[in-house]
Amino acid sequence: MDIVDRYGLTVAELTTEEALDARGPWRGPDVDLLRVVDPQPDDRAALTEAGFAVKPGWVNWVAPLGDSESAFLAALGANERRKVRRGLDLVASAGLSVQVRPELDEGRLEEFLGVYEAQVAGMRNGLNLARGEQRTLLERSGSHLGVYAYEAGRMVGGCICWVRAEDSLLQLRYVATAAVDQRGALTRALYMAAFQAGRELGCTRMSLGNDTSLYGHVTSPGLYEFKKRLGFTPLPSGTVDPGARGDEADRFVSLRALTDPSLLLAYDAAPGTDGSRLRLHVLASRDDVDVAPYRADFLSGVTVTLIQA
């Protein structure tokens, strides 16, 4: 057993044998969750029986771009469609300028990173991943594009996208907005500009990038809802981005480092399933949590898991 800190989450990393010995109430060190990294396929049923959820470490949200913006919007729910249009109206009425740049340059990337770092600093467990990739992004500038929003010449938002022409996919890498009114509306306007850039490059699909499969720690449950409403489907990241392969078996014993509720996307291990679809586990201290906002056609179902420690 190894006890590790994962950005404020105390994790007991176990072998499968140790995990199966941990059935029943946890009596080990004071941790937030028990984890088996890359469990063997033959062990998954036993781990599930012992209370573990076998899950992809990361998920990648993907959707078809459609032939046009209007076709993309037509596939959304009426409420989300209104929100997108409100975002586009905000850009126009506030005099914001949204620009698409086909390659990354050092000056604009540095300006974007300033916006990104300010946003990360305000997050509960924000990770400043983009700064560590600054050099790599510039070295691979030709396979990326930037979408930036300006207010009176000052950058107030942007997104960095990876053009994966061989996969007909435009993959969002990083997105950030300044602390402006209607931040969600501005984000939607940036996305619409990125989606259109993808269409013009011949991409048929858009990815909103890789998230951890747990919403309530580094990312929030609200991000899950936002991407779901925009018509995107979460897939195990290894099926979209081979560099993000890897599964985990998690059993949570505490919510102290998480939001209540938190959301966990895991493989459906129910009898009669092939284990390929994702089921949502709502981790909560009460069993009367409203799960309606989390339901989606891409899920095999929703399960409330009580965490009372």
C-alpha atoms as a PDB file:
ATOM      1  CA  MET A   1       0.000   0.000   0.000  1.00  0.00           C
ATOM      2  CA  ASP A   2       1.213   3.496  -0.882  1.00  0.00           C
ATOM      3  CA  ILE A   3      -0.411   6.643   0.526  1.00  0.00           C
ATOM      4  CA  VAL A   4      -0.138   9.501  -1.964  1.00  0.00           C
ATOM      5  CA  ASP A   5      -1.495  13.032  -2.199  1.00  0.00           C
ATOM      6  CA  ARG A   6      -3.278  13.748  -5.465  1.00  0.00           C
ATOM      7  CA  TYR A   7      -3.805  17.512  -5.370  1.00  0.00           C
ATOM      8  CA  GLY A   8      -5.399  17.467  -1.942  1.00  0.00           C
ATOM      9  CA  LEU A   9      -6.994  14.035  -2.296  1.00  0.00           C
ATOM     10  CA  THR A  10      -5.381  11.426  -0.028  1.00  0.00           C
ATOM     11  CA  VAL A  11      -5.278   8.146  -1.937  1.00  0.00           C
ATOM     12  CA  ALA A  12      -4.350   4.658  -0.750  1.00  0.00           C
ATOM     13  CA  GLU A  13      -2.958   2.917  -3.826  1.00  0.00           C
ATOM     14  CA  LEU A  14      -3.449  -0.816  -3.374  1.00  0.00           C
ATOM     15  CA  THR A  15      -2.705  -4.026  -5.178  1.00  0.00           C
ATOM     16  CA  THR A  16      -5.754  -6.026  -6.182  1.00  0.00           C
ATOM     17  CA  GLU A  17      -5.035  -8.459  -3.358  1.00  0.00           C
ATOM     18  CA  GLU A  18      -4.925  -5.630  -0.807  1.00  0.00           C
ATOM     19  CA  ALA A  19      -8.111  -4.138  -2.238  1.00  0.00           C
ATOM     20  CA  LEU A  20     -10.014  -7.400  -1.945  1.00  0.00           C
ATOM     21  CA  ASP A  21      -8.824  -7.751   1.647  1.00  0.00           C
ATOM     22  CA  ALA A  22     -10.372  -4.332   2.367  1.00  0.00           C
ATOM     23  CA  ARG A  23     -14.002  -5.502   2.108  1.00  0.00           C
ATOM     24  CA  GLY A  24     -16.356  -3.965   4.628  1.00  0.00           C
ATOM     25  CA  PRO A  25     -15.683  -0.762   6.610  1.00  0.00           C
ATOM     26  CA  TRP A  26     -12.237   0.699   5.922  1.00  0.00           C
ATOM     27  CA  ARG A  27      -9.913   0.235   8.905  1.00  0.00           C
ATOM     28  CA  GLY A  28      -6.650   1.451   7.404  1.00  0.00           C
ATOM     29  CA  PRO A  29      -4.965   4.879   7.299  1.00  0.00           C
ATOM     30  CA  ASP A  30      -7.028   8.063   7.153  1.00  0.00           C
ATOM     31  CA  VAL A  31      -7.592   8.450   3.406  1.00  0.00           C
ATOM     32  CA  ASP A  32     -10.231   9.746   1.004  1.00  0.00           C
ATOM     33  CA  LEU A  33     -10.259   6.838  -1.402  1.00  0.00           C
ATOM     34  CA  LEU A  34      -8.815   3.416  -2.131  1.00  0.00           C
ATOM     35  CA  ARG A  35      -7.460   2.856  -5.638  1.00  0.00           C
ATOM     36  CA  VAL A  36      -6.132   0.040  -7.782  1.00  0.00           C
ATOM     37  CA  VAL A  37      -4.252   1.365 -10.822  1.00  0.00           C
ATOM     38  CA  ASP A  38      -4.774  -0.493 -14.116  1.00  0.00           C
ATOM     39  CA  PRO A  39      -6.678  -3.478 -12.694  1.00  0.00           C
ATOM     40  CA  GLN A  40      -6.529  -6.636 -14.774  1.00  0.00           C
ATOM     41  CA  PRO A  41      -9.718  -7.454 -16.723  1.00  0.00           C
ATOM     42  CA  ASP A  42     -10.097 -10.753 -14.866  1.00  0.00           C
ATOM     43  CA  ASP A  43     -10.107  -8.906 -11.517  1.00  0.00           C
ATOM     44  CA  ARG A  44     -12.786  -6.359 -12.324  1.00  0.00           C
ATOM     45  CA  ALA A  45     -15.784  -8.413 -11.257  1.00  0.00           C
ATOM     46  CA  ALA A  46     -14.230  -9.164  -7.857  1.00  0.00           C
ATOM     47  CA  LEU A  47     -13.274  -5.511  -7.357  1.00  0.00           C
ATOM     48  CA  THR A  48     -16.809  -4.416  -8.220  1.00  0.00           C
ATOM     49  CA  GLU A  49     -18.198  -6.928  -5.736  1.00  0.00           C
ATOM     50  CA  ALA A  50     -15.862  -5.432  -3.110  1.00  0.00           C
ATOM     51  CA  GLY A  51     -17.345  -1.966  -3.635  1.00  0.00           C
ATOM     52  CA  PHE A  52     -14.911  -0.537  -6.175  1.00  0.00           C
ATOM     53  CA  ALA A  53     -15.983   1.303  -9.317  1.00  0.00           C
ATOM     54  CA  VAL A  54     -13.787   0.435 -12.296  1.00  0.00           C
ATOM     55  CA  LYS A  55     -13.400   3.517 -14.432  1.00  0.00           C
ATOM     56  CA  PRO A  56     -11.302   5.206 -17.075  1.00  0.00           C
ATOM     57  CA  GLY A  57      -8.762   7.535 -15.494  1.00  0.00           C
ATOM     58  CA  TRP A  58      -9.765  10.208 -18.006  1.00  0.00           C
ATOM     59  CA  VAL A  59     -12.719  10.900 -20.274  1.00  0.00           C
ATOM     60  CA  ASN A  60     -12.779  12.856 -23.519  1.00  0.00           C
ATOM     61  CA  TRP A  61     -15.964  14.670 -24.532  1.00  0.00           C
ATOM     62  CA  VAL A  62     -16.730  14.394 -28.265  1.00  0.00           C
ATOM     63  CA  ALA A  63     -19.559  15.541 -30.558  1.00  0.00           C
ATOM     64  CA  PRO A  64     -20.165  15.800 -34.302  1.00  0.00           C
ATOM     65  CA  LEU A  65     -19.688  19.350 -35.554  1.00  0.00           C
ATOM     66  CA  GLY A  66     -22.536  19.225 -38.040  1.00  0.00           C
ATOM     67  CA  ASP A  67     -22.464  20.971 -41.390  1.00  0.00           C
ATOM     68  CA  SER A  68     -23.048  24.395 -39.872  1.00  0.00           C
ATOM     69  CA  GLU A  69     -23.564  26.258 -36.634  1.00  0.00           C
ATOM     70  CA  SER A  70     -27.330  26.182 -37.145  1.00  0.00           C
ATOM     71  CA  ALA A  71     -27.245  22.392 -37.613  1.00  0.00           C
ATOM     72  CA  PHE A  72     -25.185  22.005 -34.437  1.00  0.00           C
ATOM     73  CA  LEU A  73     -27.567  24.219 -32.459  1.00  0.00           C
ATOM     74  CA  ALA A  74     -30.616  22.382 -33.788  1.00  0.00           C
ATOM     75  CA  ALA A  75     -29.419  19.228 -32.025  1.00  0.00           C
ATOM     76  CA  LEU A  76     -29.345  20.952 -28.617  1.00  0.00           C
ATOM     77  CA  GLY A  77     -32.137  21.359 -26.117  1.00  0.00           C
ATOM     78  CA  ALA A  78     -34.110  24.590 -26.364  1.00  0.00           C
ATOM     79  CA  ASN A  79     -32.692  26.026 -23.138  1.00  0.00           C
ATOM     80  CA  GLU A  80     -29.073  25.409 -24.123  1.00  0.00           C
ATOM     81  CA  ARG A  81     -29.739  26.781 -27.589  1.00  0.00           C
ATOM     82  CA  ARG A  82     -30.949  30.022 -25.983  1.00  0.00           C
ATOM     83  CA  LYS A  83     -27.829  30.183 -23.818  1.00  0.00           C
ATOM     84  CA  VAL A  84     -25.553  29.816 -26.823  1.00  0.00           C
ATOM     85  CA  ARG A  85     -27.385  32.541 -28.689  1.00  0.00           C
ATOM     86  CA  ARG A  86     -27.194  34.738 -25.590  1.00  0.00           C
ATOM     87  CA  GLY A  87     -23.438  34.210 -25.583  1.00  0.00           C
ATOM     88  CA  LEU A  88     -23.187  35.264 -29.203  1.00  0.00           C
ATOM     89  CA  ASP A  89     -25.383  38.299 -28.509  1.00  0.00           C
ATOM     90  CA  LEU A  90     -23.179  39.221 -25.539  1.00  0.00           C
ATOM     91  CA  VAL A  91     -20.094  39.344 -27.727  1.00  0.00           C
ATOM     92  CA  ALA A  92     -21.867  41.609 -30.202  1.00  0.00           C
ATOM     93  CA  SER A  93     -23.532  43.938 -27.672  1.00  0.00           C
ATOM     94  CA  ALA A  94     -20.460  44.297 -25.439  1.00  0.00           C
ATOM     95  CA  GLY A  95     -18.215  45.147 -28.337  1.00  0.00           C
ATOM     96  CA  LEU A  96     -16.013  42.109 -27.789  1.00  0.00           C
ATOM     97  CA  SER A  97     -13.832  40.936 -30.623  1.00  0.00           C
ATOM     98  CA  VAL A  98     -13.362  37.189 -31.183  1.00  0.00           C
ATOM     99  CA  GLN A  99     -10.385  36.276 -33.347  1.00  0.00           C
ATOM    100  CA  VAL A 100      -9.255  32.902 -34.698  1.00  0.00           C
ATOM    101  CA  ARG A 101      -5.500  32.538 -35.223  1.00  0.00           C
ATOM    102  CA  PRO A 102      -4.404  29.525 -37.289  1.00  0.00           C
ATOM    103  CA  GLU A 103      -1.122  29.060 -35.407  1.00  0.00           C
ATOM    104  CA  LEU A 104       0.131  29.861 -31.918  1.00  0.00           C
ATOM    105  CA  ASP A 105       2.559  32.701 -31.385  1.00  0.00           C
ATOM    106  CA  GLU A 106       4.507  33.477 -28.242  1.00  0.00           C
ATOM    107  CA  GLY A 107       2.887  36.836 -27.472  1.00  0.00           C
ATOM    108  CA  ARG A 108      -0.734  35.738 -27.681  1.00  0.00           C
ATOM    109  CA  LEU A 109      -0.018  32.460 -25.907  1.00  0.00           C
ATOM    110  CA  GLU A 110       1.616  34.327 -23.024  1.00  0.00           C
ATOM    111  CA  GLU A 111      -1.386  36.647 -22.810  1.00  0.00           C
ATOM    112  CA  PHE A 112      -3.731  33.653 -22.787  1.00  0.00           C
ATOM    113  CA  LEU A 113      -1.690  31.967 -20.059  1.00  0.00           C
ATOM    114  CA  GLY A 114      -2.159  35.054 -17.897  1.00  0.00           C
ATOM    115  CA  VAL A 115      -5.946  34.682 -18.194  1.00  0.00           C
ATOM    116  CA  TYR A 116      -5.687  30.919 -17.645  1.00  0.00           C
ATOM    117  CA  GLU A 117      -3.527  31.211 -14.532  1.00  0.00           C
ATOM    118  CA  ALA A 118      -5.857  33.777 -12.973  1.00  0.00           C
ATOM    119  CA  GLN A 119      -8.792  31.419 -13.499  1.00  0.00           C
ATOM    120  CA  VAL A 120      -6.915  28.404 -12.105  1.00  0.00           C
ATOM    121  CA  ALA A 121      -5.908  30.408  -9.024  1.00  0.00           C
ATOM    122  CA  GLY A 122      -9.571  30.897  -8.181  1.00  0.00           C
ATOM    123  CA  MET A 123     -10.415  27.194  -8.386  1.00  0.00           C
ATOM    124  CA  ARG A 124     -10.667  24.908  -5.376  1.00  0.00           C
ATOM    125  CA  ASN A 125      -8.028  22.466  -6.621  1.00  0.00           C
ATOM    126  CA  GLY A 126      -6.982  24.134  -9.855  1.00  0.00           C
ATOM    127  CA  LEU A 127      -4.056  22.679 -11.800  1.00  0.00           C
ATOM    128  CA  ASN A 128      -1.878  24.958 -13.895  1.00  0.00           C
ATOM    129  CA  LEU A 129      -1.218  22.436 -16.646  1.00  0.00           C
ATOM    130  CA  ALA A 130      -0.962  24.826 -19.581  1.00  0.00           C
ATOM    131  CA  ARG A 131       2.103  26.704 -18.305  1.00  0.00           C
ATOM    132  CA  GLY A 132       4.070  23.462 -18.185  1.00  0.00           C
ATOM    133  CA  GLU A 133       3.198  22.826 -21.831  1.00  0.00           C
ATOM    134  CA  GLN A 134       4.026  26.319 -23.094  1.00  0.00           C
ATOM    135  CA  ARG A 135       7.237  25.299 -24.842  1.00  0.00           C
ATOM    136  CA  THR A 136       5.688  22.183 -26.392  1.00  0.00           C
ATOM    137  CA  LEU A 137       2.703  24.166 -27.640  1.00  0.00           C
ATOM    138  CA  LEU A 138       4.991  26.657 -29.368  1.00  0.00           C
ATOM    139  CA  GLU A 139       7.090  23.871 -30.871  1.00  0.00           C
ATOM    140  CA  ARG A 140       3.894  22.353 -32.281  1.00  0.00           C
ATOM    141  CA  SER A 141       2.317  25.656 -33.201  1.00  0.00           C
ATOM    142  CA  GLY A 142       1.497  24.540 -36.727  1.00  0.00           C
ATOM    143  CA  SER A 143      -0.893  21.844 -35.496  1.00  0.00           C
ATOM    144  CA  HIS A 144      -2.750  24.203 -33.146  1.00  0.00           C
ATOM    145  CA  LEU A 145      -4.977  27.238 -33.386  1.00  0.00           C
ATOM    146  CA  GLY A 146      -6.026  29.873 -30.910  1.00  0.00           C
ATOM    147  CA  VAL A 147      -9.424  31.500 -30.451  1.00  0.00           C
ATOM    148  CA  TYR A 148      -9.224  34.723 -28.434  1.00  0.00           C
ATOM    149  CA  ALA A 149     -11.751  37.263 -27.140  1.00  0.00           C
ATOM    150  CA  TYR A 150     -10.730  40.885 -26.598  1.00  0.00           C
ATOM    151  CA  GLU A 151     -12.358  43.769 -24.774  1.00  0.00           C
ATOM    152  CA  ALA A 152     -10.871  47.187 -25.568  1.00  0.00           C
ATOM    153  CA  GLY A 153      -7.678  45.493 -26.712  1.00  0.00           C
ATOM    154  CA  ARG A 154      -7.340  43.324 -23.583  1.00  0.00           C
ATOM    155  CA  MET A 155      -7.672  39.555 -23.863  1.00  0.00           C
ATOM    156  CA  VAL A 156     -10.603  38.376 -21.714  1.00  0.00           C
ATOM    157  CA  GLY A 157     -10.846  34.789 -22.867  1.00  0.00           C
ATOM    158  CA  GLY A 158      -9.576  32.179 -25.220  1.00  0.00           C
ATOM    159  CA  CYS A 159      -9.111  28.546 -26.078  1.00  0.00           C
ATOM    160  CA  ILE A 160      -6.192  26.599 -27.494  1.00  0.00           C
ATOM    161  CA  CYS A 161      -7.152  23.825 -29.917  1.00  0.00           C
ATOM    162  CA  TRP A 162      -5.211  20.928 -31.422  1.00  0.00           C
ATOM    163  CA  VAL A 163      -5.954  20.258 -35.089  1.00  0.00           C
ATOM    164  CA  ARG A 164      -5.932  16.467 -35.553  1.00  0.00           C
ATOM    165  CA  ALA A 165      -6.478  16.399 -39.296  1.00  0.00           C
ATOM    166  CA  GLU A 166      -5.798  12.662 -39.626  1.00  0.00           C
ATOM    167  CA  ASP A 167      -8.676  12.003 -37.213  1.00  0.00           C
ATOM    168  CA  SER A 168     -10.914  14.748 -38.650  1.00  0.00           C
ATOM    169  CA  LEU A 169     -11.001  16.093 -35.090  1.00  0.00           C
ATOM    170  CA  LEU A 170     -10.450  19.489 -33.491  1.00  0.00           C
ATOM    171  CA  GLN A 171      -9.538  18.907 -29.843  1.00  0.00           C
ATOM    172  CA  LEU A 172      -9.754  21.691 -27.289  1.00  0.00           C
ATOM    173  CA  ARG A 173      -6.682  21.688 -25.054  1.00  0.00           C
ATOM    174  CA  TYR A 174      -7.171  24.668 -22.738  1.00  0.00           C
ATOM    175  CA  VAL A 175      -9.899  27.253 -22.226  1.00  0.00           C
ATOM    176  CA  ALA A 176     -10.078  30.233 -19.892  1.00  0.00           C
ATOM    177  CA  THR A 177     -12.038  33.432 -19.409  1.00  0.00           C
ATOM    178  CA  ALA A 178     -11.325  36.468 -17.273  1.00  0.00           C
ATOM    179  CA  ALA A 179     -13.548  37.372 -14.328  1.00  0.00           C
ATOM    180  CA  VAL A 180     -16.114  39.119 -16.508  1.00  0.00           C
ATOM    181  CA  ASP A 181     -19.889  39.157 -16.287  1.00  0.00           C
ATOM    182  CA  GLN A 182     -21.570  36.269 -18.090  1.00  0.00           C
ATOM    183  CA  ARG A 183     -18.451  34.070 -18.096  1.00  0.00           C
ATOM    184  CA  GLY A 184     -20.489  31.076 -19.266  1.00  0.00           C
ATOM    185  CA  ALA A 185     -21.918  33.067 -22.160  1.00  0.00           C
ATOM    186  CA  LEU A 186     -18.438  34.125 -23.271  1.00  0.00           C
ATOM    187  CA  THR A 187     -17.221  30.530 -23.092  1.00  0.00           C
ATOM    188  CA  ARG A 188     -20.061  29.417 -25.367  1.00  0.00           C
ATOM    189  CA  ALA A 189     -19.201  32.168 -27.861  1.00  0.00           C
ATOM    190  CA  LEU A 190     -15.563  31.036 -27.895  1.00  0.00           C
ATOM    191  CA  TYR A 191     -16.655  27.458 -28.460  1.00  0.00           C
ATOM    192  CA  MET A 192     -18.882  28.421 -31.388  1.00  0.00           C
ATOM    193  CA  ALA A 193     -15.957  30.228 -33.024  1.00  0.00           C
ATOM    194  CA  ALA A 194     -13.705  27.209 -32.462  1.00  0.00           C
ATOM    195  CA  PHE A 195     -16.344  24.841 -33.847  1.00  0.00           C
ATOM    196  CA  GLN A 196     -16.653  26.932 -37.013  1.00  0.00           C
ATOM    197  CA  ALA A 197     -12.877  26.994 -37.407  1.00  0.00           C
ATOM    198  CA  GLY A 198     -12.926  23.208 -37.181  1.00  0.00           C
ATOM    199  CA  ARG A 199     -15.559  22.933 -39.912  1.00  0.00           C
ATOM    200  CA  GLU A 200     -13.532  25.204 -42.187  1.00  0.00           C
ATOM    201  CA  LEU A 201     -10.511  22.938 -41.666  1.00  0.00           C
ATOM    202  CA  GLY A 202     -12.539  19.897 -42.715  1.00  0.00           C
ATOM    203  CA  CYS A 203     -13.016  18.443 -39.233  1.00  0.00           C
ATOM    204  CA  THR A 204     -16.215  16.503 -38.655  1.00  0.00           C
ATOM    205  CA  ARG A 205     -15.857  16.110 -34.876  1.00  0.00           C
ATOM    206  CA  MET A 206     -15.003  18.367 -31.954  1.00  0.00           C
ATOM    207  CA  SER A 207     -13.498  17.323 -28.633  1.00  0.00           C
ATOM    208  CA  LEU A 208     -13.731  19.388 -25.461  1.00  0.00           C
ATOM    209  CA  GLY A 209     -10.578  17.680 -24.234  1.00  0.00           C
ATOM    210  CA  ASN A 210      -9.652  15.289 -21.455  1.00  0.00           C
ATOM    211  CA  ASP A 211     -11.106  15.541 -17.942  1.00  0.00           C
ATOM    212  CA  THR A 212     -10.518  13.286 -14.993  1.00  0.00           C
ATOM    213  CA  SER A 213     -13.500  10.956 -14.649  1.00  0.00           C
ATOM    214  CA  LEU A 214     -14.208  12.461 -11.202  1.00  0.00           C
ATOM    215  CA  TYR A 215     -16.156  15.738 -11.088  1.00  0.00           C
ATOM    216  CA  GLY A 216     -15.964  17.315  -7.646  1.00  0.00           C
ATOM    217  CA  HIS A 217     -12.229  17.545  -7.079  1.00  0.00           C
ATOM    218  CA  VAL A 218     -10.111  19.232  -9.782  1.00  0.00           C
ATOM    219  CA  THR A 219     -13.189  19.860 -11.910  1.00  0.00           C
ATOM    220  CA  SER A 220     -16.728  20.543 -10.697  1.00  0.00           C
ATOM    221  CA  PRO A 221     -20.027  18.721 -11.281  1.00  0.00           C
ATOM    222  CA  GLY A 222     -21.089  21.863 -13.115  1.00  0.00           C
ATOM    223  CA  LEU A 223     -18.514  21.165 -15.833  1.00  0.00           C
ATOM    224  CA  TYR A 224     -20.090  17.754 -16.429  1.00  0.00           C
ATOM    225  CA  GLU A 225     -23.515  19.400 -16.774  1.00  0.00           C
ATOM    226  CA  PHE A 226     -22.156  22.129 -19.064  1.00  0.00           C
ATOM    227  CA  LYS A 227     -20.574  19.687 -21.506  1.00  0.00           C
ATOM    228  CA  LYS A 228     -23.607  17.391 -21.421  1.00  0.00           C
ATOM    229  CA  ARG A 229     -25.978  20.234 -22.268  1.00  0.00           C
ATOM    230  CA  LEU A 230     -23.741  21.252 -25.187  1.00  0.00           C
ATOM    231  CA  GLY A 231     -24.437  17.881 -26.767  1.00  0.00           C
ATOM    232  CA  PHE A 232     -21.103  16.195 -26.060  1.00  0.00           C
ATOM    233  CA  THR A 233     -20.603  12.564 -25.028  1.00  0.00           C
ATOM    234  CA  PRO A 234     -17.848  11.399 -22.644  1.00  0.00           C
ATOM    235  CA  LEU A 235     -15.713   8.525 -23.917  1.00  0.00           C
ATOM    236  CA  PRO A 236     -12.808   6.752 -22.216  1.00  0.00           C
ATOM    237  CA  SER A 237      -9.902   8.969 -23.248  1.00  0.00           C
ATOM    238  CA  GLY A 238      -7.839   6.087 -24.582  1.00  0.00           C
ATOM    239  CA  THR A 239     -10.377   5.591 -27.380  1.00  0.00           C
ATOM    240  CA  VAL A 240      -9.835   9.179 -28.583  1.00  0.00           C
ATOM    241  CA  ASP A 241      -6.354  10.092 -27.363  1.00  0.00           C
ATOM    242  CA  PRO A 242      -4.032   7.058 -27.085  1.00  0.00           C
ATOM    243  CA  GLY A 243      -1.700   9.013 -24.816  1.00  0.00           C
ATOM    244  CA  ALA A 244      -4.403   9.142 -22.133  1.00  0.00           C
ATOM    245  CA  ARG A 245      -5.040   5.418 -21.707  1.00  0.00           C
ATOM    246  CA  GLY A 246      -5.402   3.821 -18.301  1.00  0.00           C
ATOM    247  CA  ASP A 247      -8.104   2.530 -15.967  1.00  0.00           C
ATOM    248  CA  GLU A 248      -8.530   2.667 -12.212  1.00  0.00           C
ATOM    249  CA  ALA A 249     -10.712   0.960  -9.625  1.00  0.00           C
ATOM    250  CA  ASP A 250     -11.813   3.453  -6.961  1.00  0.00           C
ATOM    251  CA  ARG A 251     -13.652   3.074  -3.684  1.00  0.00           C
ATOM    252  CA  PHE A 252     -14.379   6.337  -1.874  1.00  0.00           C
ATOM    253  CA  VAL A 253     -14.416   6.415   1.912  1.00  0.00           C
ATOM    254  CA  SER A 254     -14.688  10.181   2.518  1.00  0.00           C
ATOM    255  CA  LEU A 255     -16.094  13.304   0.858  1.00  0.00           C
ATOM    256  CA  ARG A 256     -14.023  15.768   2.881  1.00  0.00           C
ATOM    257  CA  ALA A 257     -11.835  16.724  -0.106  1.00  0.00           C
ATOM    258  CA  LEU A 258     -14.720  16.675  -2.594  1.00  0.00           C
ATOM    259  CA  THR A 259     -17.919  18.525  -3.322  1.00  0.00           C
ATOM    260  CA  ASP A 260     -21.111  16.954  -1.992  1.00  0.00           C
ATOM    261  CA  PRO A 261     -22.322  15.553  -4.304  1.00  0.00           C
ATOM    262  CA  SER A 262     -19.473  14.572  -6.602  1.00  0.00           C
ATOM    263  CA  LEU A 263     -19.803  12.655  -9.862  1.00  0.00           C
ATOM    264  CA  LEU A 264     -17.843   9.626 -11.039  1.00  0.00           C
ATOM    265  CA  LEU A 265     -18.029   8.199 -14.558  1.00  0.00           C
ATOM    266  CA  ALA A 266     -17.317   4.460 -14.412  1.00  0.00           C
ATOM    267  CA  TYR A 267     -17.816   1.401 -16.573  1.00  0.00           C
ATOM    268  CA  ASP A 268     -21.191  -0.283 -16.180  1.00  0.00           C
ATOM    269  CA  ALA A 269     -20.506  -3.583 -14.438  1.00  0.00           C
ATOM    270  CA  ALA A 270     -24.136  -4.730 -14.198  1.00  0.00           C
ATOM    271  CA  PRO A 271     -24.909  -8.355 -15.158  1.00  0.00           C
ATOM    272  CA  GLY A 272     -25.740  -8.713 -18.825  1.00  0.00           C
ATOM    273  CA  THR A 273     -23.676  -5.694 -19.921  1.00  0.00           C
ATOM    274  CA  ASP A 274     -20.400  -5.782 -21.845  1.00  0.00           C
ATOM    275  CA  GLY A 275     -18.838  -3.138 -19.601  1.00  0.00           C
ATOM    276  CA  SER A 276     -18.239  -0.667 -22.421  1.00  0.00           C
ATOM    277  CA  ARG A 277     -20.921   1.901 -21.511  1.00  0.00           C
ATOM    278  CA  LEU A 278     -20.470   4.424 -18.755  1.00  0.00           C
ATOM    279  CA  ARG A 279     -22.628   4.642 -15.640  1.00  0.00           C
ATOM    280  CA  LEU A 280     -22.682   7.740 -13.449  1.00  0.00           C
ATOM    281  CA  HIS A 281     -22.056   7.284  -9.733  1.00  0.00           C
ATOM    282  CA  VAL A 282     -23.308  10.214  -7.669  1.00  0.00           C
ATOM    283  CA  LEU A 283     -21.183  10.304  -4.510  1.00  0.00           C
ATOM    284  CA  ALA A 284     -23.177  11.964  -1.738  1.00  0.00           C
ATOM    285  CA  SER A 285     -23.687  12.074   2.011  1.00  0.00           C
ATOM    286  CA  ARG A 286     -27.483  11.740   1.580  1.00  0.00           C
ATOM    287  CA  ASP A 287     -29.593   9.399  -0.507  1.00  0.00           C
ATOM    288  CA  ASP A 288     -32.194  12.027  -1.464  1.00  0.00           C
ATOM    289  CA  VAL A 289     -29.922  13.914  -3.877  1.00  0.00           C
ATOM    290  CA  ASP A 290     -31.695  15.013  -7.065  1.00  0.00           C
ATOM    291  CA  VAL A 291     -30.065  13.099  -9.911  1.00  0.00           C
ATOM    292  CA  ALA A 292     -32.297  14.474 -12.682  1.00  0.00           C
ATOM    293  CA  PRO A 293     -29.755  17.127 -13.813  1.00  0.00           C
ATOM    294  CA  TYR A 294     -27.153  14.419 -14.359  1.00  0.00           C
ATOM    295  CA  ARG A 295     -29.136  11.929 -16.440  1.00  0.00           C
ATOM    296  CA  ALA A 296     -28.182  11.579 -20.101  1.00  0.00           C
ATOM    297  CA  ASP A 297     -28.814   9.251 -23.014  1.00  0.00           C
ATOM    298  CA  PHE A 298     -25.121   8.368 -23.166  1.00  0.00           C
ATOM    299  CA  LEU A 299     -25.287   6.833 -19.676  1.00  0.00           C
ATOM    300  CA  SER A 300     -26.420   3.293 -18.949  1.00  0.00           C
ATOM    301  CA  GLY A 301     -27.841   4.640 -15.690  1.00  0.00           C
ATOM    302  CA  VAL A 302     -27.243   6.687 -12.544  1.00  0.00           C
ATOM    303  CA  THR A 303     -26.392   5.243  -9.127  1.00  0.00           C
ATOM    304  CA  VAL A 304     -26.280   7.151  -5.830  1.00  0.00           C
ATOM    305  CA  THR A 305     -23.396   5.961  -3.653  1.00  0.00           C
ATOM    306  CA  LEU A 306     -23.594   7.024  -0.015  1.00  0.00           C
ATOM    307  CA  ILE A 307     -20.320   8.214   1.524  1.00  0.00           C
ATOM    308  CA  GLN A 308     -20.842   8.926   5.203  1.00  0.00           C
ATOM    309  CA  ALA A 309     -17.326   8.910   6.634  1.00  0.00           C
END
